[in-house]
């Protein structure tokens, strides 16, 4: 009987612990997704760091330089992924590792509802432009509260759809970001959506299709009245745009338009990657293009951090 009581006590304690976990992790038994899980590599260390957006749980990882000193402050880069991707696409391109080797901290994360494989809360059908903006805002505030974050040197990086989301966040909060890096940003996403669905009242059903991907109707209604040009232009800092000329998913002309219309009053720059393999997400799999992009970002960061 005593043995049975001890077993029941242990089971109840385990159930209580599970109930206190973030919901995204409670349904996931992979220990590598647990808060505090640490990995190390050449010049970097990563630590799983869940963040909160109200009641929602955001999965992410902080990447630190190998010689990280918690008594110092560091520039921090918030990295926003694109459509149907997760934080892992930045890891595949070695971006947070490369930045850690340069002495910077990065936060890579999964947007809530950002993909079927997202570890954060919400489903893809619940994703919208405003949920993504709220994720970025929540992360920004929590990053600013880190004692080792240099709050004067917070940068935002966006890739594809994450690019326009980063640009909108910077436009809405221009004083919070010291700089911005946009990789093949989908700056024409809103125009494309409105062209496809010119009358909201005529959109039937609960889903829409954008660029071959199905989303909930809220994804359209949330961004329908966005003033992309007006908002993005509010950011007056220097922006680095990097785009492949062979990109058919997001044409490089979208970055050129952003440079000449949104960021013309700053010392912003567009780096074009050439060659047949300079397609969308070239930095993930094409080593020559990846190296050019790395070097451009390293130079940009060194200049902007010293400013």
C-alpha atoms as a PDB file:
ATOM      1  CA  UNK A   1       0.000   0.000   0.000  1.00  0.00           C
ATOM      2  CA  UNK A   2       2.813   2.425   0.869  1.00  0.00           C
ATOM      3  CA  UNK A   3       4.472   1.634  -2.455  1.00  0.00           C
ATOM      4  CA  UNK A   4       1.212   2.339  -4.291  1.00  0.00           C
ATOM      5  CA  UNK A   5       0.830   5.701  -2.498  1.00  0.00           C
ATOM      6  CA  UNK A   6       4.397   6.687  -3.393  1.00  0.00           C
ATOM      7  CA  UNK A   7       3.741   5.817  -7.043  1.00  0.00           C
ATOM      8  CA  UNK A   8       0.557   7.903  -7.082  1.00  0.00           C
ATOM      9  CA  UNK A   9       2.439  10.823  -5.506  1.00  0.00           C
ATOM     10  CA  UNK A  10       5.137  10.659  -8.188  1.00  0.00           C
ATOM     11  CA  UNK A  11       2.557  10.458 -10.988  1.00  0.00           C
ATOM     12  CA  UNK A  12       0.632  13.446  -9.637  1.00  0.00           C
ATOM     13  CA  UNK A  13       3.848  15.457  -9.312  1.00  0.00           C
ATOM     14  CA  UNK A  14       4.793  14.657 -12.916  1.00  0.00           C
ATOM     15  CA  UNK A  15       1.332  15.684 -14.157  1.00  0.00           C
ATOM     16  CA  UNK A  16       1.603  18.957 -12.253  1.00  0.00           C
ATOM     17  CA  UNK A  17       5.004  19.712 -13.833  1.00  0.00           C
ATOM     18  CA  UNK A  18       3.648  18.997 -17.311  1.00  0.00           C
ATOM     19  CA  UNK A  19       0.741  21.363 -16.716  1.00  0.00           C
ATOM     20  CA  UNK A  20       3.191  24.174 -16.016  1.00  0.00           C
ATOM     21  CA  UNK A  21       5.117  23.758 -19.271  1.00  0.00           C
ATOM     22  CA  UNK A  22       4.440  26.011 -22.275  1.00  0.00           C
ATOM     23  CA  UNK A  23       1.656  24.396 -24.294  1.00  0.00           C
ATOM     24  CA  UNK A  24       3.864  24.071 -27.386  1.00  0.00           C
ATOM     25  CA  UNK A  25       6.369  22.010 -25.431  1.00  0.00           C
ATOM     26  CA  UNK A  26       3.853  20.060 -23.403  1.00  0.00           C
ATOM     27  CA  UNK A  27       2.737  18.398 -26.639  1.00  0.00           C
ATOM     28  CA  UNK A  28       6.303  17.802 -27.754  1.00  0.00           C
ATOM     29  CA  UNK A  29       8.447  15.176 -26.048  1.00  0.00           C
ATOM     30  CA  UNK A  30      11.691  16.200 -27.797  1.00  0.00           C
ATOM     31  CA  UNK A  31      14.089  17.226 -25.019  1.00  0.00           C
ATOM     32  CA  UNK A  32      15.994  19.448 -27.464  1.00  0.00           C
ATOM     33  CA  UNK A  33      13.030  21.830 -27.394  1.00  0.00           C
ATOM     34  CA  UNK A  34      13.045  22.229 -23.614  1.00  0.00           C
ATOM     35  CA  UNK A  35      13.844  25.576 -22.012  1.00  0.00           C
ATOM     36  CA  UNK A  36      17.580  25.830 -21.389  1.00  0.00           C
ATOM     37  CA  UNK A  37      18.651  23.048 -23.761  1.00  0.00           C
ATOM     38  CA  UNK A  38      22.173  24.002 -24.859  1.00  0.00           C
ATOM     39  CA  UNK A  39      24.328  23.200 -27.880  1.00  0.00           C
ATOM     40  CA  UNK A  40      27.844  24.370 -28.727  1.00  0.00           C
ATOM     41  CA  UNK A  41      29.879  24.669 -31.897  1.00  0.00           C
ATOM     42  CA  UNK A  42      32.811  26.500 -33.416  1.00  0.00           C
ATOM     43  CA  UNK A  43      32.674  29.964 -31.820  1.00  0.00           C
ATOM     44  CA  UNK A  44      29.037  29.769 -30.696  1.00  0.00           C
ATOM     45  CA  UNK A  45      26.640  28.422 -28.106  1.00  0.00           C
ATOM     46  CA  UNK A  46      22.844  28.194 -28.402  1.00  0.00           C
ATOM     47  CA  UNK A  47      20.274  28.005 -25.611  1.00  0.00           C
ATOM     48  CA  UNK A  48      16.585  27.207 -26.138  1.00  0.00           C
ATOM     49  CA  UNK A  49      14.710  30.253 -24.869  1.00  0.00           C
ATOM     50  CA  UNK A  50      10.910  30.293 -24.973  1.00  0.00           C
ATOM     51  CA  UNK A  51       9.307  33.735 -25.025  1.00  0.00           C
ATOM     52  CA  UNK A  52       5.749  34.907 -24.445  1.00  0.00           C
ATOM     53  CA  UNK A  53       3.317  36.887 -26.589  1.00  0.00           C
ATOM     54  CA  UNK A  54       0.516  37.371 -24.108  1.00  0.00           C
ATOM     55  CA  UNK A  55      -0.839  33.872 -23.545  1.00  0.00           C
ATOM     56  CA  UNK A  56       1.002  32.492 -26.575  1.00  0.00           C
ATOM     57  CA  UNK A  57       4.292  30.609 -26.356  1.00  0.00           C
ATOM     58  CA  UNK A  58       7.056  31.392 -28.854  1.00  0.00           C
ATOM     59  CA  UNK A  59       9.800  28.832 -29.407  1.00  0.00           C
ATOM     60  CA  UNK A  60      13.261  30.218 -30.045  1.00  0.00           C
ATOM     61  CA  UNK A  61      16.968  29.991 -29.416  1.00  0.00           C
ATOM     62  CA  UNK A  62      19.482  32.577 -28.291  1.00  0.00           C
ATOM     63  CA  UNK A  63      22.878  32.211 -29.982  1.00  0.00           C
ATOM     64  CA  UNK A  64      25.847  33.572 -28.029  1.00  0.00           C
ATOM     65  CA  UNK A  65      29.537  34.037 -28.840  1.00  0.00           C
ATOM     66  CA  UNK A  66      31.634  31.220 -27.379  1.00  0.00           C
ATOM     67  CA  UNK A  67      33.366  33.714 -25.063  1.00  0.00           C
ATOM     68  CA  UNK A  68      30.074  35.232 -23.884  1.00  0.00           C
ATOM     69  CA  UNK A  69      30.460  37.296 -20.712  1.00  0.00           C
ATOM     70  CA  UNK A  70      27.199  38.040 -18.904  1.00  0.00           C
ATOM     71  CA  UNK A  71      28.716  41.175 -17.348  1.00  0.00           C
ATOM     72  CA  UNK A  72      29.057  42.779 -20.814  1.00  0.00           C
ATOM     73  CA  UNK A  73      26.422  44.020 -23.246  1.00  0.00           C
ATOM     74  CA  UNK A  74      26.164  42.854 -26.854  1.00  0.00           C
ATOM     75  CA  UNK A  75      24.390  43.864 -30.060  1.00  0.00           C
ATOM     76  CA  UNK A  76      21.394  41.577 -30.662  1.00  0.00           C
ATOM     77  CA  UNK A  77      19.869  40.487 -33.982  1.00  0.00           C
ATOM     78  CA  UNK A  78      16.236  39.281 -34.109  1.00  0.00           C
ATOM     79  CA  UNK A  79      15.860  36.930 -37.084  1.00  0.00           C
ATOM     80  CA  UNK A  80      12.416  36.567 -38.742  1.00  0.00           C
ATOM     81  CA  UNK A  81      11.856  33.564 -41.013  1.00  0.00           C
ATOM     82  CA  UNK A  82       9.755  33.371 -44.166  1.00  0.00           C
ATOM     83  CA  UNK A  83       6.739  31.448 -45.459  1.00  0.00           C
ATOM     84  CA  UNK A  84       6.309  27.820 -44.410  1.00  0.00           C
ATOM     85  CA  UNK A  85       9.672  27.932 -42.604  1.00  0.00           C
ATOM     86  CA  UNK A  86      10.872  27.921 -39.016  1.00  0.00           C
ATOM     87  CA  UNK A  87      13.914  29.108 -37.079  1.00  0.00           C
ATOM     88  CA  UNK A  88      15.762  26.140 -38.593  1.00  0.00           C
ATOM     89  CA  UNK A  89      16.134  27.832 -41.987  1.00  0.00           C
ATOM     90  CA  UNK A  90      18.454  30.406 -40.424  1.00  0.00           C
ATOM     91  CA  UNK A  91      20.417  27.609 -38.786  1.00  0.00           C
ATOM     92  CA  UNK A  92      20.685  25.814 -42.124  1.00  0.00           C
ATOM     93  CA  UNK A  93      22.155  28.997 -43.593  1.00  0.00           C
ATOM     94  CA  UNK A  94      24.429  29.233 -40.523  1.00  0.00           C
ATOM     95  CA  UNK A  95      23.370  32.817 -39.882  1.00  0.00           C
ATOM     96  CA  UNK A  96      23.177  32.778 -36.060  1.00  0.00           C
ATOM     97  CA  UNK A  97      26.416  30.792 -35.864  1.00  0.00           C
ATOM     98  CA  UNK A  98      28.229  33.212 -38.155  1.00  0.00           C
ATOM     99  CA  UNK A  99      26.947  36.230 -36.223  1.00  0.00           C
ATOM    100  CA  UNK A 100      27.986  34.671 -32.893  1.00  0.00           C
ATOM    101  CA  UNK A 101      31.494  34.191 -34.295  1.00  0.00           C
ATOM    102  CA  UNK A 102      31.522  37.945 -34.960  1.00  0.00           C
ATOM    103  CA  UNK A 103      30.611  38.730 -31.355  1.00  0.00           C
ATOM    104  CA  UNK A 104      26.845  39.239 -31.702  1.00  0.00           C
ATOM    105  CA  UNK A 105      23.850  37.589 -30.039  1.00  0.00           C
ATOM    106  CA  UNK A 106      20.991  36.378 -32.242  1.00  0.00           C
ATOM    107  CA  UNK A 107      17.474  35.219 -31.475  1.00  0.00           C
ATOM    108  CA  UNK A 108      15.939  32.811 -33.984  1.00  0.00           C
ATOM    109  CA  UNK A 109      12.319  31.787 -33.439  1.00  0.00           C
ATOM    110  CA  UNK A 110       9.177  30.278 -34.924  1.00  0.00           C
ATOM    111  CA  UNK A 111       6.342  32.679 -35.667  1.00  0.00           C
ATOM    112  CA  UNK A 112       3.112  31.583 -33.991  1.00  0.00           C
ATOM    113  CA  UNK A 113       1.264  29.700 -36.724  1.00  0.00           C
ATOM    114  CA  UNK A 114       4.203  30.327 -39.065  1.00  0.00           C
ATOM    115  CA  UNK A 115       4.359  26.800 -40.457  1.00  0.00           C
ATOM    116  CA  UNK A 116       3.003  23.307 -39.934  1.00  0.00           C
ATOM    117  CA  UNK A 117       6.317  22.419 -38.257  1.00  0.00           C
ATOM    118  CA  UNK A 118       6.352  25.501 -36.029  1.00  0.00           C
ATOM    119  CA  UNK A 119       6.987  24.740 -32.369  1.00  0.00           C
ATOM    120  CA  UNK A 120       5.216  27.934 -31.297  1.00  0.00           C
ATOM    121  CA  UNK A 121       1.497  28.185 -30.577  1.00  0.00           C
ATOM    122  CA  UNK A 122      -1.329  28.683 -33.121  1.00  0.00           C
ATOM    123  CA  UNK A 123      -2.057  26.900 -36.380  1.00  0.00           C
ATOM    124  CA  UNK A 124      -1.279  28.148 -39.871  1.00  0.00           C
ATOM    125  CA  UNK A 125      -4.981  28.968 -40.274  1.00  0.00           C
ATOM    126  CA  UNK A 126      -4.679  31.435 -37.370  1.00  0.00           C
ATOM    127  CA  UNK A 127      -1.580  33.186 -38.729  1.00  0.00           C
ATOM    128  CA  UNK A 128      -1.895  36.798 -39.860  1.00  0.00           C
ATOM    129  CA  UNK A 129       0.242  39.843 -40.444  1.00  0.00           C
ATOM    130  CA  UNK A 130      -0.797  41.258 -37.092  1.00  0.00           C
ATOM    131  CA  UNK A 131      -0.032  38.051 -35.167  1.00  0.00           C
ATOM    132  CA  UNK A 132       3.464  38.209 -36.679  1.00  0.00           C
ATOM    133  CA  UNK A 133       3.806  41.870 -35.713  1.00  0.00           C
ATOM    134  CA  UNK A 134       2.735  41.065 -32.158  1.00  0.00           C
ATOM    135  CA  UNK A 135       5.306  38.257 -32.012  1.00  0.00           C
ATOM    136  CA  UNK A 136       8.069  40.637 -33.085  1.00  0.00           C
ATOM    137  CA  UNK A 137       6.933  43.296 -30.614  1.00  0.00           C
ATOM    138  CA  UNK A 138       6.831  40.816 -27.736  1.00  0.00           C
ATOM    139  CA  UNK A 139      10.279  39.454 -28.594  1.00  0.00           C
ATOM    140  CA  UNK A 140      11.678  42.972 -28.901  1.00  0.00           C
ATOM    141  CA  UNK A 141      10.509  43.891 -25.401  1.00  0.00           C
ATOM    142  CA  UNK A 142      11.903  40.700 -23.880  1.00  0.00           C
ATOM    143  CA  UNK A 143      15.222  41.097 -25.689  1.00  0.00           C
ATOM    144  CA  UNK A 144      15.486  44.680 -24.426  1.00  0.00           C
ATOM    145  CA  UNK A 145      15.052  43.356 -20.883  1.00  0.00           C
ATOM    146  CA  UNK A 146      18.045  41.013 -21.150  1.00  0.00           C
ATOM    147  CA  UNK A 147      20.792  42.448 -18.914  1.00  0.00           C
ATOM    148  CA  UNK A 148      23.455  41.715 -21.520  1.00  0.00           C
ATOM    149  CA  UNK A 149      21.557  43.307 -24.417  1.00  0.00           C
ATOM    150  CA  UNK A 150      22.867  46.620 -25.725  1.00  0.00           C
ATOM    151  CA  UNK A 151      19.488  48.278 -26.161  1.00  0.00           C
ATOM    152  CA  UNK A 152      21.042  50.893 -28.445  1.00  0.00           C
ATOM    153  CA  UNK A 153      22.197  48.161 -30.842  1.00  0.00           C
ATOM    154  CA  UNK A 154      19.219  45.931 -31.541  1.00  0.00           C
ATOM    155  CA  UNK A 155      18.950  44.835 -35.177  1.00  0.00           C
ATOM    156  CA  UNK A 156      16.214  43.024 -37.050  1.00  0.00           C
ATOM    157  CA  UNK A 157      16.728  40.590 -39.913  1.00  0.00           C
ATOM    158  CA  UNK A 158      13.968  39.323 -42.198  1.00  0.00           C
ATOM    159  CA  UNK A 159      13.887  36.708 -44.898  1.00  0.00           C
ATOM    160  CA  UNK A 160      11.209  36.522 -47.634  1.00  0.00           C
ATOM    161  CA  UNK A 161       7.817  37.135 -45.950  1.00  0.00           C
ATOM    162  CA  UNK A 162       9.743  37.685 -42.724  1.00  0.00           C
ATOM    163  CA  UNK A 163      11.407  40.541 -44.610  1.00  0.00           C
ATOM    164  CA  UNK A 164       8.256  42.589 -45.068  1.00  0.00           C
ATOM    165  CA  UNK A 165       7.265  41.771 -41.478  1.00  0.00           C
ATOM    166  CA  UNK A 166      10.639  43.024 -40.241  1.00  0.00           C
ATOM    167  CA  UNK A 167      10.330  46.148 -42.388  1.00  0.00           C
ATOM    168  CA  UNK A 168       6.839  46.867 -41.057  1.00  0.00           C
ATOM    169  CA  UNK A 169       7.981  46.335 -37.464  1.00  0.00           C
ATOM    170  CA  UNK A 170      10.911  48.710 -37.970  1.00  0.00           C
ATOM    171  CA  UNK A 171       8.587  51.297 -39.530  1.00  0.00           C
ATOM    172  CA  UNK A 172       6.205  51.047 -36.602  1.00  0.00           C
ATOM    173  CA  UNK A 173       9.021  51.228 -34.042  1.00  0.00           C
ATOM    174  CA  UNK A 174      11.774  53.183 -35.814  1.00  0.00           C
ATOM    175  CA  UNK A 175      13.607  54.163 -32.642  1.00  0.00           C
ATOM    176  CA  UNK A 176      13.991  50.607 -31.380  1.00  0.00           C
ATOM    177  CA  UNK A 177      16.181  49.223 -34.164  1.00  0.00           C
ATOM    178  CA  UNK A 178      19.737  50.303 -34.890  1.00  0.00           C
ATOM    179  CA  UNK A 179      19.676  48.613 -38.274  1.00  0.00           C
ATOM    180  CA  UNK A 180      17.868  46.170 -40.526  1.00  0.00           C
ATOM    181  CA  UNK A 181      18.968  43.348 -42.840  1.00  0.00           C
ATOM    182  CA  UNK A 182      16.501  42.103 -45.450  1.00  0.00           C
ATOM    183  CA  UNK A 183      17.157  38.897 -47.376  1.00  0.00           C
ATOM    184  CA  UNK A 184      15.071  38.649 -50.583  1.00  0.00           C
ATOM    185  CA  UNK A 185      12.192  40.384 -48.741  1.00  0.00           C
ATOM    186  CA  UNK A 186       8.640  39.869 -49.991  1.00  0.00           C
ATOM    187  CA  UNK A 187       7.888  43.586 -50.121  1.00  0.00           C
ATOM    188  CA  UNK A 188       5.166  43.078 -52.737  1.00  0.00           C
ATOM    189  CA  UNK A 189       3.222  40.491 -50.727  1.00  0.00           C
ATOM    190  CA  UNK A 190       0.386  42.830 -49.762  1.00  0.00           C
ATOM    191  CA  UNK A 191      -0.018  44.185 -53.301  1.00  0.00           C
ATOM    192  CA  UNK A 192      -0.139  40.618 -54.610  1.00  0.00           C
ATOM    193  CA  UNK A 193      -2.823  39.638 -52.099  1.00  0.00           C
ATOM    194  CA  UNK A 194      -4.998  42.637 -52.889  1.00  0.00           C
ATOM    195  CA  UNK A 195      -4.629  42.031 -56.635  1.00  0.00           C
ATOM    196  CA  UNK A 196      -5.737  38.425 -56.111  1.00  0.00           C
ATOM    197  CA  UNK A 197      -8.628  39.382 -53.814  1.00  0.00           C
ATOM    198  CA  UNK A 198      -9.703  42.910 -54.862  1.00  0.00           C
ATOM    199  CA  UNK A 199     -13.004  42.773 -52.965  1.00  0.00           C
ATOM    200  CA  UNK A 200     -13.056  41.428 -49.413  1.00  0.00           C
ATOM    201  CA  UNK A 201     -16.826  41.030 -49.443  1.00  0.00           C
ATOM    202  CA  UNK A 202     -16.579  38.583 -52.327  1.00  0.00           C
ATOM    203  CA  UNK A 203     -14.048  36.298 -50.586  1.00  0.00           C
ATOM    204  CA  UNK A 204     -16.002  33.186 -49.659  1.00  0.00           C
ATOM    205  CA  UNK A 205     -14.953  30.478 -47.240  1.00  0.00           C
ATOM    206  CA  UNK A 206     -12.460  30.595 -44.408  1.00  0.00           C
ATOM    207  CA  UNK A 207      -9.244  30.171 -46.399  1.00  0.00           C
ATOM    208  CA  UNK A 208      -7.252  31.944 -49.085  1.00  0.00           C
ATOM    209  CA  UNK A 209      -4.295  30.934 -51.256  1.00  0.00           C
ATOM    210  CA  UNK A 210      -1.214  33.118 -51.554  1.00  0.00           C
ATOM    211  CA  UNK A 211       1.729  32.167 -53.744  1.00  0.00           C
ATOM    212  CA  UNK A 212       0.709  28.509 -53.627  1.00  0.00           C
ATOM    213  CA  UNK A 213       0.230  28.377 -49.840  1.00  0.00           C
ATOM    214  CA  UNK A 214      -3.125  28.099 -48.067  1.00  0.00           C
ATOM    215  CA  UNK A 215      -3.859  30.411 -45.132  1.00  0.00           C
ATOM    216  CA  UNK A 216      -6.836  31.412 -43.050  1.00  0.00           C
ATOM    217  CA  UNK A 217      -8.916  34.319 -44.350  1.00  0.00           C
ATOM    218  CA  UNK A 218      -7.648  36.397 -41.403  1.00  0.00           C
ATOM    219  CA  UNK A 219      -4.248  36.465 -43.104  1.00  0.00           C
ATOM    220  CA  UNK A 220      -5.849  38.610 -45.829  1.00  0.00           C
ATOM    221  CA  UNK A 221      -8.218  40.730 -43.749  1.00  0.00           C
ATOM    222  CA  UNK A 222      -5.499  41.676 -41.262  1.00  0.00           C
ATOM    223  CA  UNK A 223      -3.209  43.238 -43.872  1.00  0.00           C
ATOM    224  CA  UNK A 224      -5.773  44.561 -46.343  1.00  0.00           C
ATOM    225  CA  UNK A 225      -5.487  48.150 -45.154  1.00  0.00           C
ATOM    226  CA  UNK A 226      -1.749  48.153 -44.463  1.00  0.00           C
ATOM    227  CA  UNK A 227       0.100  51.155 -45.885  1.00  0.00           C
ATOM    228  CA  UNK A 228       3.331  49.330 -46.653  1.00  0.00           C
ATOM    229  CA  UNK A 229       5.141  52.220 -48.334  1.00  0.00           C
ATOM    230  CA  UNK A 230       4.070  54.750 -45.731  1.00  0.00           C
ATOM    231  CA  UNK A 231       4.947  52.534 -42.767  1.00  0.00           C
ATOM    232  CA  UNK A 232       8.237  51.133 -44.059  1.00  0.00           C
ATOM    233  CA  UNK A 233       9.392  54.638 -44.995  1.00  0.00           C
ATOM    234  CA  UNK A 234       9.154  55.683 -41.350  1.00  0.00           C
ATOM    235  CA  UNK A 235      12.365  53.785 -40.665  1.00  0.00           C
ATOM    236  CA  UNK A 236      15.258  56.180 -41.278  1.00  0.00           C
ATOM    237  CA  UNK A 237      18.175  53.928 -40.384  1.00  0.00           C
ATOM    238  CA  UNK A 238      20.490  52.269 -42.890  1.00  0.00           C
ATOM    239  CA  UNK A 239      19.101  49.077 -44.386  1.00  0.00           C
ATOM    240  CA  UNK A 240      21.032  46.272 -46.070  1.00  0.00           C
ATOM    241  CA  UNK A 241      19.044  44.395 -48.708  1.00  0.00           C
ATOM    242  CA  UNK A 242      20.412  41.216 -50.306  1.00  0.00           C
ATOM    243  CA  UNK A 243      18.676  39.570 -53.246  1.00  0.00           C
ATOM    244  CA  UNK A 244      19.402  36.992 -55.920  1.00  0.00           C
ATOM    245  CA  UNK A 245      18.803  38.059 -59.508  1.00  0.00           C
ATOM    246  CA  UNK A 246      17.480  34.599 -60.444  1.00  0.00           C
ATOM    247  CA  UNK A 247      14.795  34.717 -57.729  1.00  0.00           C
ATOM    248  CA  UNK A 248      11.420  33.818 -59.261  1.00  0.00           C
ATOM    249  CA  UNK A 249       9.529  33.641 -55.959  1.00  0.00           C
ATOM    250  CA  UNK A 250      10.292  37.226 -54.983  1.00  0.00           C
ATOM    251  CA  UNK A 251      11.743  39.215 -57.887  1.00  0.00           C
ATOM    252  CA  UNK A 252      14.796  41.297 -57.009  1.00  0.00           C
ATOM    253  CA  UNK A 253      12.971  44.370 -58.349  1.00  0.00           C
ATOM    254  CA  UNK A 254      11.001  44.356 -55.078  1.00  0.00           C
ATOM    255  CA  UNK A 255      14.208  45.063 -53.167  1.00  0.00           C
ATOM    256  CA  UNK A 256      15.224  47.673 -55.721  1.00  0.00           C
ATOM    257  CA  UNK A 257      11.879  49.433 -55.250  1.00  0.00           C
ATOM    258  CA  UNK A 258      12.302  49.351 -51.462  1.00  0.00           C
ATOM    259  CA  UNK A 259      15.787  50.821 -51.762  1.00  0.00           C
ATOM    260  CA  UNK A 260      14.792  53.651 -54.095  1.00  0.00           C
ATOM    261  CA  UNK A 261      11.373  54.472 -52.632  1.00  0.00           C
ATOM    262  CA  UNK A 262      11.285  53.469 -48.955  1.00  0.00           C
ATOM    263  CA  UNK A 263      14.907  53.927 -47.923  1.00  0.00           C
ATOM    264  CA  UNK A 264      16.164  56.544 -50.376  1.00  0.00           C
ATOM    265  CA  UNK A 265      16.898  59.102 -47.652  1.00  0.00           C
ATOM    266  CA  UNK A 266      19.386  56.872 -45.842  1.00  0.00           C
ATOM    267  CA  UNK A 267      22.680  55.228 -46.771  1.00  0.00           C
ATOM    268  CA  UNK A 268      20.934  51.945 -47.452  1.00  0.00           C
ATOM    269  CA  UNK A 269      22.409  49.426 -49.881  1.00  0.00           C
ATOM    270  CA  UNK A 270      21.236  46.616 -52.137  1.00  0.00           C
ATOM    271  CA  UNK A 271      23.623  43.713 -52.756  1.00  0.00           C
ATOM    272  CA  UNK A 272      22.639  41.624 -55.781  1.00  0.00           C
ATOM    273  CA  UNK A 273      23.748  38.007 -55.970  1.00  0.00           C
ATOM    274  CA  UNK A 274      24.259  36.841 -59.547  1.00  0.00           C
ATOM    275  CA  UNK A 275      24.488  33.455 -61.209  1.00  0.00           C
ATOM    276  CA  UNK A 276      22.017  30.707 -62.099  1.00  0.00           C
ATOM    277  CA  UNK A 277      21.835  29.538 -58.485  1.00  0.00           C
ATOM    278  CA  UNK A 278      21.001  32.946 -57.058  1.00  0.00           C
ATOM    279  CA  UNK A 279      17.408  31.838 -56.567  1.00  0.00           C
ATOM    280  CA  UNK A 280      15.098  32.295 -53.579  1.00  0.00           C
ATOM    281  CA  UNK A 281      16.803  31.258 -50.321  1.00  0.00           C
ATOM    282  CA  UNK A 282      20.156  30.988 -52.113  1.00  0.00           C
ATOM    283  CA  UNK A 283      21.926  31.479 -48.769  1.00  0.00           C
ATOM    284  CA  UNK A 284      20.610  28.156 -47.494  1.00  0.00           C
ATOM    285  CA  UNK A 285      22.201  25.901 -50.100  1.00  0.00           C
ATOM    286  CA  UNK A 286      24.508  27.805 -52.477  1.00  0.00           C
ATOM    287  CA  UNK A 287      27.908  28.309 -50.871  1.00  0.00           C
ATOM    288  CA  UNK A 288      29.322  31.055 -53.157  1.00  0.00           C
ATOM    289  CA  UNK A 289      26.207  33.204 -52.750  1.00  0.00           C
ATOM    290  CA  UNK A 290      26.100  32.437 -49.060  1.00  0.00           C
ATOM    291  CA  UNK A 291      29.659  33.667 -48.603  1.00  0.00           C
ATOM    292  CA  UNK A 292      28.920  36.926 -50.441  1.00  0.00           C
ATOM    293  CA  UNK A 293      25.857  37.476 -48.245  1.00  0.00           C
ATOM    294  CA  UNK A 294      27.762  36.647 -45.042  1.00  0.00           C
ATOM    295  CA  UNK A 295      30.534  39.098 -45.912  1.00  0.00           C
ATOM    296  CA  UNK A 296      28.061  41.850 -46.772  1.00  0.00           C
ATOM    297  CA  UNK A 297      26.274  41.399 -43.432  1.00  0.00           C
ATOM    298  CA  UNK A 298      29.542  41.234 -41.473  1.00  0.00           C
ATOM    299  CA  UNK A 299      30.690  44.518 -43.038  1.00  0.00           C
ATOM    300  CA  UNK A 300      27.300  46.130 -42.501  1.00  0.00           C
ATOM    301  CA  UNK A 301      27.137  45.090 -38.845  1.00  0.00           C
ATOM    302  CA  UNK A 302      30.663  46.290 -38.129  1.00  0.00           C
ATOM    303  CA  UNK A 303      29.821  49.707 -39.587  1.00  0.00           C
ATOM    304  CA  UNK A 304      26.446  50.096 -37.880  1.00  0.00           C
ATOM    305  CA  UNK A 305      27.589  48.813 -34.472  1.00  0.00           C
ATOM    306  CA  UNK A 306      30.482  51.296 -34.526  1.00  0.00           C
ATOM    307  CA  UNK A 307      28.185  54.185 -35.530  1.00  0.00           C
END
